[in-house]
N, C-alpha and C. Protein backbone atom coordinates (compact mmCIF):
# COMPACT_ATOMS: atom_id res chain seq x y z
N UNK A 1 -4.44 15.86 -4.71
CA UNK A 1 -5.62 16.40 -4.05
C UNK A 1 -5.73 17.88 -4.35
N UNK A 2 -6.98 18.36 -4.42
CA UNK A 2 -7.24 19.77 -4.63
C UNK A 2 -6.52 20.58 -3.56
N UNK A 3 -5.89 21.69 -3.96
CA UNK A 3 -4.96 22.40 -3.08
C UNK A 3 -5.61 22.90 -1.80
N UNK A 4 -6.83 23.43 -1.90
CA UNK A 4 -7.49 23.95 -0.70
C UNK A 4 -7.76 22.84 0.30
N UNK A 5 -8.18 21.68 -0.19
CA UNK A 5 -8.46 20.57 0.72
C UNK A 5 -7.18 20.04 1.36
N UNK A 6 -6.10 20.02 0.60
CA UNK A 6 -4.81 19.62 1.18
C UNK A 6 -4.41 20.59 2.27
N UNK A 7 -4.65 21.87 2.05
CA UNK A 7 -4.30 22.87 3.06
C UNK A 7 -5.17 22.69 4.31
N UNK A 8 -6.43 22.35 4.14
CA UNK A 8 -7.29 22.08 5.30
C UNK A 8 -6.73 20.92 6.11
N UNK A 9 -6.30 19.87 5.43
CA UNK A 9 -5.71 18.73 6.14
C UNK A 9 -4.46 19.17 6.91
N UNK A 10 -3.65 20.00 6.30
CA UNK A 10 -2.43 20.46 6.96
C UNK A 10 -2.75 21.29 8.19
N UNK A 11 -3.76 22.16 8.08
CA UNK A 11 -4.15 22.98 9.23
C UNK A 11 -4.68 22.12 10.37
N UNK A 12 -5.49 21.13 10.03
CA UNK A 12 -6.02 20.24 11.07
C UNK A 12 -4.91 19.39 11.68
N UNK A 13 -3.93 19.02 10.87
CA UNK A 13 -2.78 18.28 11.41
C UNK A 13 -2.04 19.13 12.43
N UNK A 14 -1.86 20.41 12.12
CA UNK A 14 -1.07 21.29 12.97
C UNK A 14 -1.83 21.73 14.22
N UNK A 15 -3.15 21.87 14.12
CA UNK A 15 -3.95 22.39 15.24
C UNK A 15 -4.82 21.33 15.90
N UNK A 16 -4.86 20.14 15.32
CA UNK A 16 -5.63 19.00 15.84
C UNK A 16 -7.13 19.19 15.68
N UNK A 17 -7.69 20.27 16.23
CA UNK A 17 -9.12 20.54 16.10
C UNK A 17 -9.29 22.01 15.73
N UNK A 18 -10.12 22.27 14.71
CA UNK A 18 -10.40 23.65 14.31
C UNK A 18 -11.86 23.82 13.97
N UNK A 19 -12.38 25.01 14.25
CA UNK A 19 -13.75 25.34 13.89
C UNK A 19 -13.80 25.80 12.43
N UNK A 20 -14.97 25.71 11.85
CA UNK A 20 -15.14 26.13 10.46
C UNK A 20 -14.69 27.57 10.29
N UNK A 21 -15.07 28.43 11.23
CA UNK A 21 -14.72 29.84 11.14
C UNK A 21 -13.21 30.05 11.22
N UNK A 22 -12.53 29.25 12.03
CA UNK A 22 -11.07 29.36 12.13
C UNK A 22 -10.40 28.94 10.83
N UNK A 23 -10.90 27.88 10.22
CA UNK A 23 -10.36 27.45 8.94
C UNK A 23 -10.61 28.51 7.87
N UNK A 24 -11.80 29.10 7.90
CA UNK A 24 -12.13 30.14 6.92
C UNK A 24 -11.17 31.31 7.04
N UNK A 25 -10.86 31.70 8.29
CA UNK A 25 -9.94 32.82 8.49
C UNK A 25 -8.54 32.49 8.03
N UNK A 26 -8.08 31.28 8.30
CA UNK A 26 -6.73 30.88 7.91
C UNK A 26 -6.59 30.77 6.40
N UNK A 27 -7.68 30.41 5.72
CA UNK A 27 -7.63 30.20 4.28
C UNK A 27 -8.11 31.41 3.48
N UNK A 28 -8.60 32.42 4.19
CA UNK A 28 -9.18 33.60 3.54
C UNK A 28 -10.33 33.20 2.61
N UNK A 29 -11.19 32.32 3.13
CA UNK A 29 -12.37 31.87 2.39
C UNK A 29 -13.60 32.10 3.26
N UNK A 30 -14.76 32.00 2.65
CA UNK A 30 -16.00 32.12 3.42
C UNK A 30 -16.27 30.80 4.14
N UNK A 31 -16.98 30.85 5.27
CA UNK A 31 -17.35 29.61 5.95
C UNK A 31 -18.15 28.66 5.07
N UNK A 32 -18.96 29.20 4.18
CA UNK A 32 -19.75 28.34 3.29
C UNK A 32 -18.83 27.53 2.38
N UNK A 33 -17.81 28.18 1.84
CA UNK A 33 -16.85 27.48 0.97
C UNK A 33 -16.08 26.43 1.76
N UNK A 34 -15.67 26.76 2.97
CA UNK A 34 -14.94 25.81 3.80
C UNK A 34 -15.81 24.60 4.12
N UNK A 35 -17.09 24.84 4.43
CA UNK A 35 -17.99 23.72 4.73
C UNK A 35 -18.12 22.79 3.53
N UNK A 36 -18.14 23.35 2.33
CA UNK A 36 -18.21 22.51 1.12
C UNK A 36 -16.99 21.60 1.05
N UNK A 37 -15.80 22.16 1.24
CA UNK A 37 -14.59 21.34 1.19
C UNK A 37 -14.58 20.31 2.31
N UNK A 38 -15.05 20.68 3.49
CA UNK A 38 -15.10 19.74 4.61
C UNK A 38 -16.05 18.59 4.32
N UNK A 39 -17.15 18.88 3.66
CA UNK A 39 -18.09 17.81 3.32
C UNK A 39 -17.47 16.82 2.35
N UNK A 40 -16.69 17.32 1.40
CA UNK A 40 -15.99 16.43 0.46
C UNK A 40 -14.98 15.57 1.22
N UNK A 41 -14.20 16.19 2.08
CA UNK A 41 -13.20 15.46 2.86
C UNK A 41 -13.85 14.46 3.80
N UNK A 42 -14.99 14.85 4.35
CA UNK A 42 -15.72 13.93 5.24
C UNK A 42 -16.22 12.72 4.46
N UNK A 43 -16.73 12.95 3.24
CA UNK A 43 -17.20 11.84 2.41
C UNK A 43 -16.06 10.91 2.02
N UNK A 44 -14.85 11.43 1.92
CA UNK A 44 -13.68 10.62 1.59
C UNK A 44 -13.07 9.96 2.82
N UNK A 45 -13.67 10.20 3.98
CA UNK A 45 -13.19 9.57 5.21
C UNK A 45 -11.93 10.18 5.77
N UNK A 46 -11.65 11.44 5.44
CA UNK A 46 -10.39 12.07 5.86
C UNK A 46 -10.56 13.01 7.05
N UNK A 47 -11.76 13.56 7.25
CA UNK A 47 -12.02 14.39 8.43
C UNK A 47 -13.32 13.92 9.07
N UNK A 48 -13.48 14.30 10.32
CA UNK A 48 -14.70 13.95 11.04
C UNK A 48 -15.04 15.07 12.01
N UNK A 49 -16.33 15.23 12.31
CA UNK A 49 -16.72 16.27 13.28
C UNK A 49 -16.14 15.97 14.66
N UNK A 50 -15.76 17.02 15.34
CA UNK A 50 -15.32 16.89 16.72
C UNK A 50 -16.42 17.46 17.62
N UNK A 51 -16.09 17.76 18.85
CA UNK A 51 -17.11 18.26 19.76
C UNK A 51 -17.53 19.68 19.38
N UNK A 52 -18.77 20.03 19.73
CA UNK A 52 -19.20 21.41 19.53
C UNK A 52 -18.45 22.30 20.51
N UNK A 53 -18.03 23.46 20.04
CA UNK A 53 -17.28 24.39 20.89
C UNK A 53 -18.17 25.57 21.25
N UNK A 54 -18.32 25.81 22.52
CA UNK A 54 -19.12 26.94 22.99
C UNK A 54 -18.36 28.24 22.78
N UNK A 55 -19.07 29.25 22.34
CA UNK A 55 -18.46 30.57 22.13
C UNK A 55 -18.34 31.31 23.46
N UNK A 56 -17.36 32.20 23.53
CA UNK A 56 -17.26 33.08 24.69
C UNK A 56 -18.31 34.17 24.64
N UNK A 57 -18.74 34.52 23.41
CA UNK A 57 -19.76 35.54 23.23
C UNK A 57 -21.06 34.87 22.81
N UNK A 58 -22.18 35.58 22.85
CA UNK A 58 -23.46 34.99 22.45
C UNK A 58 -23.40 34.48 21.01
N UNK A 59 -24.12 33.41 20.75
CA UNK A 59 -24.16 32.84 19.41
C UNK A 59 -24.20 31.34 19.46
N UNK A 60 -24.45 30.72 18.33
CA UNK A 60 -24.50 29.26 18.27
C UNK A 60 -23.13 28.65 18.51
N UNK A 61 -23.09 27.43 19.04
CA UNK A 61 -21.80 26.74 19.21
C UNK A 61 -21.11 26.55 17.86
N UNK A 62 -19.79 26.50 17.87
CA UNK A 62 -19.01 26.33 16.65
C UNK A 62 -18.82 24.85 16.34
N UNK A 63 -18.99 24.50 15.07
CA UNK A 63 -18.73 23.13 14.63
C UNK A 63 -17.23 22.98 14.37
N UNK A 64 -16.63 21.98 14.98
CA UNK A 64 -15.20 21.76 14.82
C UNK A 64 -14.95 20.43 14.12
N UNK A 65 -13.76 20.32 13.53
CA UNK A 65 -13.38 19.11 12.79
C UNK A 65 -11.97 18.69 13.17
N UNK A 66 -11.69 17.41 12.95
CA UNK A 66 -10.37 16.85 13.18
C UNK A 66 -10.08 15.82 12.09
N UNK A 67 -8.82 15.42 11.97
CA UNK A 67 -8.44 14.41 10.98
C UNK A 67 -8.84 13.02 11.45
N UNK A 68 -9.09 12.15 10.49
CA UNK A 68 -9.20 10.72 10.78
C UNK A 68 -7.83 10.08 10.58
N UNK A 69 -7.68 8.85 11.00
CA UNK A 69 -6.39 8.17 10.82
C UNK A 69 -6.07 7.99 9.33
N UNK A 70 -7.10 7.89 8.48
CA UNK A 70 -6.86 7.71 7.05
C UNK A 70 -6.20 8.91 6.42
N UNK A 71 -6.33 10.08 7.02
CA UNK A 71 -5.77 11.30 6.44
C UNK A 71 -4.24 11.29 6.44
N UNK A 72 -3.63 10.48 7.30
CA UNK A 72 -2.17 10.45 7.36
C UNK A 72 -1.53 10.05 6.04
N UNK A 73 -2.27 9.31 5.21
CA UNK A 73 -1.73 8.89 3.91
C UNK A 73 -1.50 10.06 2.96
N UNK A 74 -2.08 11.23 3.27
CA UNK A 74 -1.96 12.39 2.39
C UNK A 74 -0.83 13.32 2.78
N UNK A 75 0.02 12.88 3.71
CA UNK A 75 1.19 13.67 4.07
C UNK A 75 2.44 12.93 3.64
N UNK A 76 3.52 13.66 3.35
CA UNK A 76 4.74 13.02 2.83
C UNK A 76 5.26 11.92 3.75
N UNK A 77 5.73 10.85 3.13
CA UNK A 77 6.31 9.73 3.85
C UNK A 77 7.65 9.38 3.22
N UNK A 78 8.51 8.69 3.95
CA UNK A 78 9.80 8.28 3.42
C UNK A 78 10.02 6.79 3.66
N UNK A 79 8.98 6.00 3.40
CA UNK A 79 9.10 4.57 3.62
C UNK A 79 10.19 3.95 2.74
N UNK A 80 10.26 4.43 1.47
CA UNK A 80 11.23 3.82 0.56
C UNK A 80 12.66 4.07 1.02
N UNK A 81 12.94 5.30 1.45
CA UNK A 81 14.28 5.60 1.92
C UNK A 81 14.64 4.80 3.16
N UNK A 82 13.70 4.68 4.08
CA UNK A 82 13.94 3.91 5.29
C UNK A 82 14.15 2.43 4.96
N UNK A 83 13.30 1.89 4.09
CA UNK A 83 13.41 0.47 3.73
C UNK A 83 14.75 0.19 3.05
N UNK A 84 15.19 1.11 2.18
CA UNK A 84 16.49 0.92 1.51
C UNK A 84 17.63 0.86 2.52
N UNK A 85 17.63 1.79 3.49
CA UNK A 85 18.68 1.79 4.50
C UNK A 85 18.60 0.54 5.37
N UNK A 86 17.38 0.12 5.71
CA UNK A 86 17.22 -1.05 6.55
C UNK A 86 17.74 -2.31 5.86
N UNK A 87 17.37 -2.49 4.60
CA UNK A 87 17.83 -3.66 3.87
C UNK A 87 19.35 -3.63 3.70
N UNK A 88 19.89 -2.46 3.41
CA UNK A 88 21.35 -2.35 3.25
C UNK A 88 22.07 -2.72 4.53
N UNK A 89 21.55 -2.27 5.66
CA UNK A 89 22.18 -2.58 6.94
C UNK A 89 22.07 -4.07 7.27
N UNK A 90 20.90 -4.64 7.03
CA UNK A 90 20.71 -6.07 7.29
C UNK A 90 21.66 -6.89 6.41
N UNK A 91 21.80 -6.49 5.14
CA UNK A 91 22.68 -7.21 4.22
C UNK A 91 24.12 -7.21 4.73
N UNK A 92 24.57 -6.07 5.29
CA UNK A 92 25.94 -5.99 5.77
C UNK A 92 26.14 -6.78 7.06
N UNK A 93 25.10 -6.92 7.86
CA UNK A 93 25.23 -7.56 9.16
C UNK A 93 25.08 -9.08 9.09
N UNK A 94 24.35 -9.57 8.08
CA UNK A 94 24.03 -10.99 8.04
C UNK A 94 24.75 -11.71 6.90
N UNK A 95 24.89 -13.02 7.07
CA UNK A 95 25.43 -13.84 5.99
C UNK A 95 24.34 -14.09 4.95
N UNK A 96 24.73 -14.62 3.81
CA UNK A 96 23.77 -14.91 2.74
C UNK A 96 22.71 -15.90 3.21
N UNK A 97 23.11 -16.92 3.94
CA UNK A 97 22.14 -17.92 4.41
C UNK A 97 21.18 -17.32 5.42
N UNK A 98 21.66 -16.41 6.26
CA UNK A 98 20.79 -15.76 7.23
C UNK A 98 19.79 -14.84 6.53
N UNK A 99 20.27 -14.15 5.48
CA UNK A 99 19.36 -13.30 4.70
C UNK A 99 18.27 -14.14 4.04
N UNK A 100 18.63 -15.31 3.52
CA UNK A 100 17.66 -16.18 2.88
C UNK A 100 16.60 -16.64 3.88
N UNK A 101 17.02 -16.91 5.12
CA UNK A 101 16.07 -17.31 6.14
C UNK A 101 15.09 -16.19 6.46
N UNK A 102 15.60 -14.96 6.50
CA UNK A 102 14.72 -13.82 6.75
C UNK A 102 13.72 -13.65 5.62
N UNK A 103 14.19 -13.70 4.37
CA UNK A 103 13.29 -13.56 3.23
C UNK A 103 12.24 -14.65 3.22
N UNK A 104 12.66 -15.88 3.54
CA UNK A 104 11.70 -16.99 3.58
C UNK A 104 10.67 -16.77 4.67
N UNK A 105 11.12 -16.25 5.81
CA UNK A 105 10.18 -15.99 6.90
C UNK A 105 9.17 -14.90 6.55
N UNK A 106 9.65 -13.84 5.90
CA UNK A 106 8.74 -12.76 5.49
C UNK A 106 7.74 -13.28 4.48
N UNK A 107 8.21 -14.06 3.50
CA UNK A 107 7.32 -14.62 2.48
C UNK A 107 6.27 -15.52 3.13
N UNK A 108 6.67 -16.31 4.11
CA UNK A 108 5.72 -17.20 4.79
C UNK A 108 4.67 -16.39 5.54
N UNK A 109 5.07 -15.32 6.18
CA UNK A 109 4.11 -14.47 6.89
C UNK A 109 3.12 -13.83 5.92
N UNK A 110 3.63 -13.39 4.78
CA UNK A 110 2.75 -12.77 3.79
C UNK A 110 1.77 -13.80 3.22
N UNK A 111 2.27 -14.98 2.87
CA UNK A 111 1.40 -16.01 2.30
C UNK A 111 0.36 -16.49 3.31
N UNK A 112 0.70 -16.41 4.60
CA UNK A 112 -0.26 -16.83 5.63
C UNK A 112 -1.48 -15.92 5.68
N UNK A 113 -1.35 -14.71 5.14
CA UNK A 113 -2.48 -13.79 5.10
C UNK A 113 -3.45 -14.11 3.97
N UNK A 114 -3.00 -14.89 3.00
CA UNK A 114 -3.83 -15.18 1.82
C UNK A 114 -4.84 -16.28 2.13
N UNK A 115 -6.01 -16.16 1.52
CA UNK A 115 -7.04 -17.20 1.65
C UNK A 115 -6.77 -18.26 0.59
N UNK A 116 -5.88 -19.19 0.90
CA UNK A 116 -5.46 -20.21 -0.06
C UNK A 116 -6.33 -21.45 0.05
N UNK A 117 -6.55 -22.13 -1.07
CA UNK A 117 -7.28 -23.40 -1.04
C UNK A 117 -6.40 -24.49 -0.44
N UNK A 118 -6.94 -25.68 -0.16
CA UNK A 118 -6.12 -26.77 0.38
C UNK A 118 -4.95 -27.11 -0.55
N UNK A 119 -3.94 -27.72 0.02
CA UNK A 119 -2.73 -28.04 -0.74
C UNK A 119 -3.01 -28.96 -1.92
N UNK A 120 -4.05 -29.81 -1.81
CA UNK A 120 -4.36 -30.75 -2.90
C UNK A 120 -5.38 -30.19 -3.89
N UNK A 121 -5.70 -28.91 -3.78
CA UNK A 121 -6.65 -28.29 -4.71
C UNK A 121 -6.01 -28.16 -6.09
N UNK A 122 -6.81 -28.11 -7.14
CA UNK A 122 -6.26 -27.91 -8.49
C UNK A 122 -5.43 -26.63 -8.56
N UNK A 123 -4.41 -26.66 -9.39
CA UNK A 123 -3.51 -25.52 -9.49
C UNK A 123 -4.26 -24.26 -9.92
N UNK A 124 -5.34 -24.43 -10.69
CA UNK A 124 -6.12 -23.26 -11.13
C UNK A 124 -6.67 -22.49 -9.93
N UNK A 125 -7.11 -23.25 -8.92
CA UNK A 125 -7.64 -22.58 -7.72
C UNK A 125 -6.55 -21.83 -6.98
N UNK A 126 -5.38 -22.43 -6.90
CA UNK A 126 -4.27 -21.75 -6.23
C UNK A 126 -3.82 -20.52 -7.02
N UNK A 127 -3.84 -20.61 -8.34
CA UNK A 127 -3.50 -19.45 -9.16
C UNK A 127 -4.51 -18.32 -8.96
N UNK A 128 -5.79 -18.67 -8.94
CA UNK A 128 -6.82 -17.66 -8.72
C UNK A 128 -6.65 -16.99 -7.36
N UNK A 129 -6.37 -17.80 -6.34
CA UNK A 129 -6.17 -17.25 -4.99
C UNK A 129 -4.92 -16.37 -4.93
N UNK A 130 -3.86 -16.80 -5.61
CA UNK A 130 -2.63 -16.01 -5.63
C UNK A 130 -2.86 -14.67 -6.32
N UNK A 131 -3.60 -14.69 -7.42
CA UNK A 131 -3.89 -13.45 -8.15
C UNK A 131 -4.71 -12.50 -7.28
N UNK A 132 -5.71 -13.02 -6.59
CA UNK A 132 -6.52 -12.16 -5.70
C UNK A 132 -5.65 -11.52 -4.63
N UNK A 133 -4.79 -12.32 -4.01
CA UNK A 133 -3.94 -11.81 -2.95
C UNK A 133 -2.98 -10.74 -3.49
N UNK A 134 -2.32 -11.03 -4.60
CA UNK A 134 -1.35 -10.10 -5.16
C UNK A 134 -2.00 -8.81 -5.63
N UNK A 135 -3.18 -8.92 -6.24
CA UNK A 135 -3.85 -7.71 -6.72
C UNK A 135 -4.30 -6.82 -5.58
N UNK A 136 -4.65 -7.43 -4.44
CA UNK A 136 -5.03 -6.63 -3.27
C UNK A 136 -3.85 -5.83 -2.74
N UNK A 137 -2.63 -6.20 -3.17
CA UNK A 137 -1.43 -5.52 -2.72
C UNK A 137 -0.71 -4.79 -3.85
N UNK A 138 -1.44 -4.55 -4.95
CA UNK A 138 -0.94 -3.66 -5.99
C UNK A 138 -0.08 -4.27 -7.07
N UNK A 139 -0.05 -5.61 -7.19
CA UNK A 139 0.84 -6.24 -8.16
C UNK A 139 0.28 -6.27 -9.60
N UNK A 140 -1.02 -6.06 -9.77
CA UNK A 140 -1.65 -6.18 -11.09
C UNK A 140 -1.32 -7.54 -11.72
N UNK A 141 -1.74 -8.59 -11.04
CA UNK A 141 -1.39 -9.95 -11.43
C UNK A 141 -2.47 -10.60 -12.28
N UNK A 142 -2.05 -11.57 -13.08
CA UNK A 142 -2.97 -12.40 -13.86
C UNK A 142 -2.22 -13.69 -14.22
N UNK A 143 -2.97 -14.69 -14.67
CA UNK A 143 -2.31 -15.92 -15.11
C UNK A 143 -2.99 -16.43 -16.37
N UNK A 144 -2.24 -17.24 -17.12
CA UNK A 144 -2.78 -17.82 -18.34
C UNK A 144 -2.06 -19.12 -18.66
N UNK A 145 -2.70 -19.94 -19.46
CA UNK A 145 -2.09 -21.20 -19.89
C UNK A 145 -1.20 -20.97 -21.09
N UNK A 146 -0.08 -21.70 -21.09
CA UNK A 146 0.83 -21.69 -22.23
C UNK A 146 0.79 -23.07 -22.87
N UNK A 147 1.59 -23.26 -23.90
CA UNK A 147 1.66 -24.58 -24.54
C UNK A 147 2.44 -25.54 -23.68
N UNK A 148 2.26 -26.81 -23.90
CA UNK A 148 3.03 -27.82 -23.20
C UNK A 148 2.71 -27.97 -21.74
N UNK A 149 1.45 -27.82 -21.37
CA UNK A 149 0.99 -27.98 -19.99
C UNK A 149 1.70 -27.02 -19.03
N UNK A 150 1.95 -25.84 -19.51
CA UNK A 150 2.58 -24.85 -18.65
C UNK A 150 1.60 -23.71 -18.39
N UNK A 151 1.78 -23.05 -17.27
CA UNK A 151 1.01 -21.84 -16.96
C UNK A 151 2.01 -20.76 -16.55
N UNK A 152 1.60 -19.51 -16.72
CA UNK A 152 2.45 -18.40 -16.32
C UNK A 152 1.64 -17.44 -15.46
N UNK A 153 2.23 -17.04 -14.36
CA UNK A 153 1.67 -16.00 -13.51
C UNK A 153 2.48 -14.74 -13.77
N UNK A 154 1.79 -13.66 -14.13
CA UNK A 154 2.47 -12.39 -14.43
C UNK A 154 2.03 -11.31 -13.45
N UNK A 155 3.00 -10.50 -13.04
CA UNK A 155 2.69 -9.30 -12.27
C UNK A 155 3.22 -8.11 -13.05
N UNK A 156 2.34 -7.18 -13.36
CA UNK A 156 2.72 -6.05 -14.22
C UNK A 156 3.07 -4.78 -13.45
N UNK A 157 3.00 -4.86 -12.15
CA UNK A 157 3.43 -3.73 -11.33
C UNK A 157 4.25 -4.25 -10.16
N UNK A 158 5.32 -3.56 -9.86
CA UNK A 158 6.16 -3.93 -8.72
C UNK A 158 5.96 -2.90 -7.62
N UNK A 159 5.35 -3.28 -6.49
CA UNK A 159 5.15 -2.33 -5.40
C UNK A 159 6.45 -1.81 -4.80
N UNK A 160 7.56 -2.52 -5.10
CA UNK A 160 8.86 -2.11 -4.55
C UNK A 160 9.82 -1.70 -5.67
N UNK A 161 9.29 -1.13 -6.74
CA UNK A 161 10.09 -0.93 -7.95
C UNK A 161 11.38 -0.16 -7.67
N UNK A 162 11.29 0.99 -7.00
CA UNK A 162 12.49 1.79 -6.76
C UNK A 162 13.47 1.04 -5.87
N UNK A 163 12.96 0.34 -4.88
CA UNK A 163 13.83 -0.41 -3.99
C UNK A 163 14.51 -1.57 -4.69
N UNK A 164 13.78 -2.24 -5.58
CA UNK A 164 14.34 -3.43 -6.24
C UNK A 164 15.46 -3.09 -7.20
N UNK A 165 15.56 -1.82 -7.62
CA UNK A 165 16.65 -1.44 -8.52
C UNK A 165 18.01 -1.60 -7.84
N UNK A 166 18.04 -1.36 -6.53
CA UNK A 166 19.31 -1.44 -5.81
C UNK A 166 19.36 -2.61 -4.84
N UNK A 167 18.25 -3.31 -4.67
CA UNK A 167 18.19 -4.39 -3.69
C UNK A 167 17.49 -5.60 -4.31
N UNK A 168 18.27 -6.59 -4.78
CA UNK A 168 17.63 -7.75 -5.40
C UNK A 168 16.91 -8.63 -4.39
N UNK A 169 17.05 -8.29 -3.09
CA UNK A 169 16.31 -9.03 -2.08
C UNK A 169 14.80 -8.95 -2.30
N UNK A 170 14.33 -7.85 -2.85
CA UNK A 170 12.89 -7.73 -3.07
C UNK A 170 12.41 -8.64 -4.19
N UNK A 171 13.25 -8.85 -5.20
CA UNK A 171 12.92 -9.82 -6.25
C UNK A 171 12.93 -11.24 -5.67
N UNK A 172 13.89 -11.52 -4.83
CA UNK A 172 13.94 -12.84 -4.19
C UNK A 172 12.76 -13.05 -3.26
N UNK A 173 12.35 -11.99 -2.59
CA UNK A 173 11.17 -12.07 -1.73
C UNK A 173 9.93 -12.39 -2.54
N UNK A 174 9.77 -11.74 -3.69
CA UNK A 174 8.61 -12.01 -4.55
C UNK A 174 8.60 -13.45 -5.02
N UNK A 175 9.75 -13.97 -5.40
CA UNK A 175 9.82 -15.37 -5.84
C UNK A 175 9.42 -16.29 -4.69
N UNK A 176 9.93 -16.04 -3.50
CA UNK A 176 9.58 -16.87 -2.35
C UNK A 176 8.09 -16.77 -2.05
N UNK A 177 7.52 -15.56 -2.18
CA UNK A 177 6.09 -15.38 -1.92
C UNK A 177 5.25 -16.14 -2.93
N UNK A 178 5.56 -15.98 -4.23
CA UNK A 178 4.81 -16.69 -5.27
C UNK A 178 4.91 -18.19 -5.08
N UNK A 179 6.09 -18.67 -4.71
CA UNK A 179 6.27 -20.11 -4.49
C UNK A 179 5.35 -20.61 -3.38
N UNK A 180 5.23 -19.85 -2.32
CA UNK A 180 4.37 -20.28 -1.22
C UNK A 180 2.90 -20.15 -1.57
N UNK A 181 2.55 -19.15 -2.34
CA UNK A 181 1.15 -19.01 -2.76
C UNK A 181 0.72 -20.16 -3.67
N UNK A 182 1.62 -20.60 -4.54
CA UNK A 182 1.29 -21.65 -5.50
C UNK A 182 1.59 -23.05 -5.00
N UNK A 183 2.42 -23.15 -3.98
CA UNK A 183 2.82 -24.47 -3.49
C UNK A 183 3.86 -25.13 -4.36
N UNK A 184 4.41 -24.40 -5.30
CA UNK A 184 5.46 -24.88 -6.21
C UNK A 184 6.41 -23.73 -6.49
N UNK A 185 7.68 -24.05 -6.75
CA UNK A 185 8.62 -22.99 -7.11
C UNK A 185 8.67 -22.85 -8.62
N UNK A 186 8.24 -21.71 -9.14
CA UNK A 186 8.23 -21.52 -10.60
C UNK A 186 9.59 -21.09 -11.12
N UNK A 187 9.69 -21.04 -12.43
CA UNK A 187 10.88 -20.50 -13.10
C UNK A 187 10.60 -19.04 -13.43
N UNK A 188 11.52 -18.17 -13.05
CA UNK A 188 11.37 -16.74 -13.35
C UNK A 188 11.89 -16.49 -14.76
N UNK A 189 11.02 -15.99 -15.64
CA UNK A 189 11.43 -15.74 -17.03
C UNK A 189 11.72 -14.27 -17.30
N UNK A 190 10.98 -13.38 -16.67
CA UNK A 190 11.21 -11.94 -16.89
C UNK A 190 11.09 -11.22 -15.55
N UNK A 191 11.74 -10.06 -15.50
CA UNK A 191 11.72 -9.23 -14.30
C UNK A 191 11.50 -7.77 -14.68
N UNK A 192 10.62 -7.08 -13.96
CA UNK A 192 10.45 -5.64 -14.17
C UNK A 192 11.73 -4.91 -13.84
N UNK A 193 12.44 -5.38 -12.82
CA UNK A 193 13.69 -4.72 -12.42
C UNK A 193 14.78 -4.83 -13.48
N UNK A 194 14.60 -5.75 -14.45
CA UNK A 194 15.55 -5.89 -15.55
C UNK A 194 15.10 -5.16 -16.81
N UNK A 195 14.03 -4.38 -16.68
CA UNK A 195 13.54 -3.61 -17.81
C UNK A 195 12.41 -4.24 -18.57
N UNK A 196 11.93 -5.42 -18.14
CA UNK A 196 10.80 -6.07 -18.80
C UNK A 196 9.49 -5.41 -18.37
N UNK A 197 8.42 -5.72 -19.10
CA UNK A 197 7.13 -5.11 -18.79
C UNK A 197 6.39 -5.83 -17.68
N UNK A 198 6.88 -7.00 -17.27
CA UNK A 198 6.24 -7.74 -16.19
C UNK A 198 7.24 -8.70 -15.57
N UNK A 199 6.91 -9.17 -14.38
CA UNK A 199 7.60 -10.32 -13.80
C UNK A 199 6.77 -11.54 -14.15
N UNK A 200 7.37 -12.55 -14.73
CA UNK A 200 6.62 -13.73 -15.12
C UNK A 200 7.20 -14.96 -14.47
N UNK A 201 6.28 -15.79 -13.92
CA UNK A 201 6.65 -17.00 -13.19
C UNK A 201 5.97 -18.18 -13.89
N UNK A 202 6.77 -19.09 -14.43
CA UNK A 202 6.25 -20.19 -15.26
C UNK A 202 6.41 -21.50 -14.49
N UNK A 203 5.37 -22.35 -14.57
CA UNK A 203 5.44 -23.68 -13.96
C UNK A 203 4.61 -24.66 -14.77
N UNK A 204 4.90 -25.94 -14.63
CA UNK A 204 4.13 -26.96 -15.29
C UNK A 204 2.90 -27.30 -14.44
N UNK A 205 1.75 -27.46 -15.09
CA UNK A 205 0.52 -27.78 -14.35
C UNK A 205 -0.39 -28.61 -15.21
C-alpha cells in the first residue's frame, strides 16, 4: 500500500477516530491532500466517515473518519507462527489415530462449505465444484482429462506453503479435503511441498 495511506490507517488504528485536520497535522500534509487519500481508502472499503465533530471555536463541524473491519488485514499478523506452534503442540499431545480424526473432521467441515452436486452427479460436475471451492480459497486449481479414463486435479498454489514445509499434516488435510470434495480418494502424484510446481490428484473417471 502507498506509504501515506498506510500511515493514515495506523493513525486511525491508534486514535480510533480522527478529523481530517488532525490527520493533516500528524502527516504534515494539507487537508486537501489528506481528503484525497481518504477518498481512495474509502473507495477500497478501509475507512468510513464517523460522526461530525463540533468545534470549540466558530467554524464548520469537522469531518472525522474511522477504520472499517476490513482495514485490519493491512496490519501485521502472525497466523503462520501461531498455526505452526498449535499443530506442533497437538501432534505431541495426540496419537496418530487421534490426529487423523482431527484432520478428517476439519476436512469434513471445509467440504461442507462447498456447493457440491449430488453424490450421483457426473464426476465432471464434482470436479468443477471442487475447483470453484478451492479457487475461492487461493489454491489456483484446475482439472483435465488424462489417457486411460483418468482425470487429474491440480492445485498450483498452497495456501499453507510455509507451514507444510515443517508440518505434513497440512498435506494430509488437503488430501482429505479433495477426497471429500470429489467423493473419491485420489492418488497423490506430486506435491508443492516436495519441490514440484503443483499438487496433483489423479483418479479414474
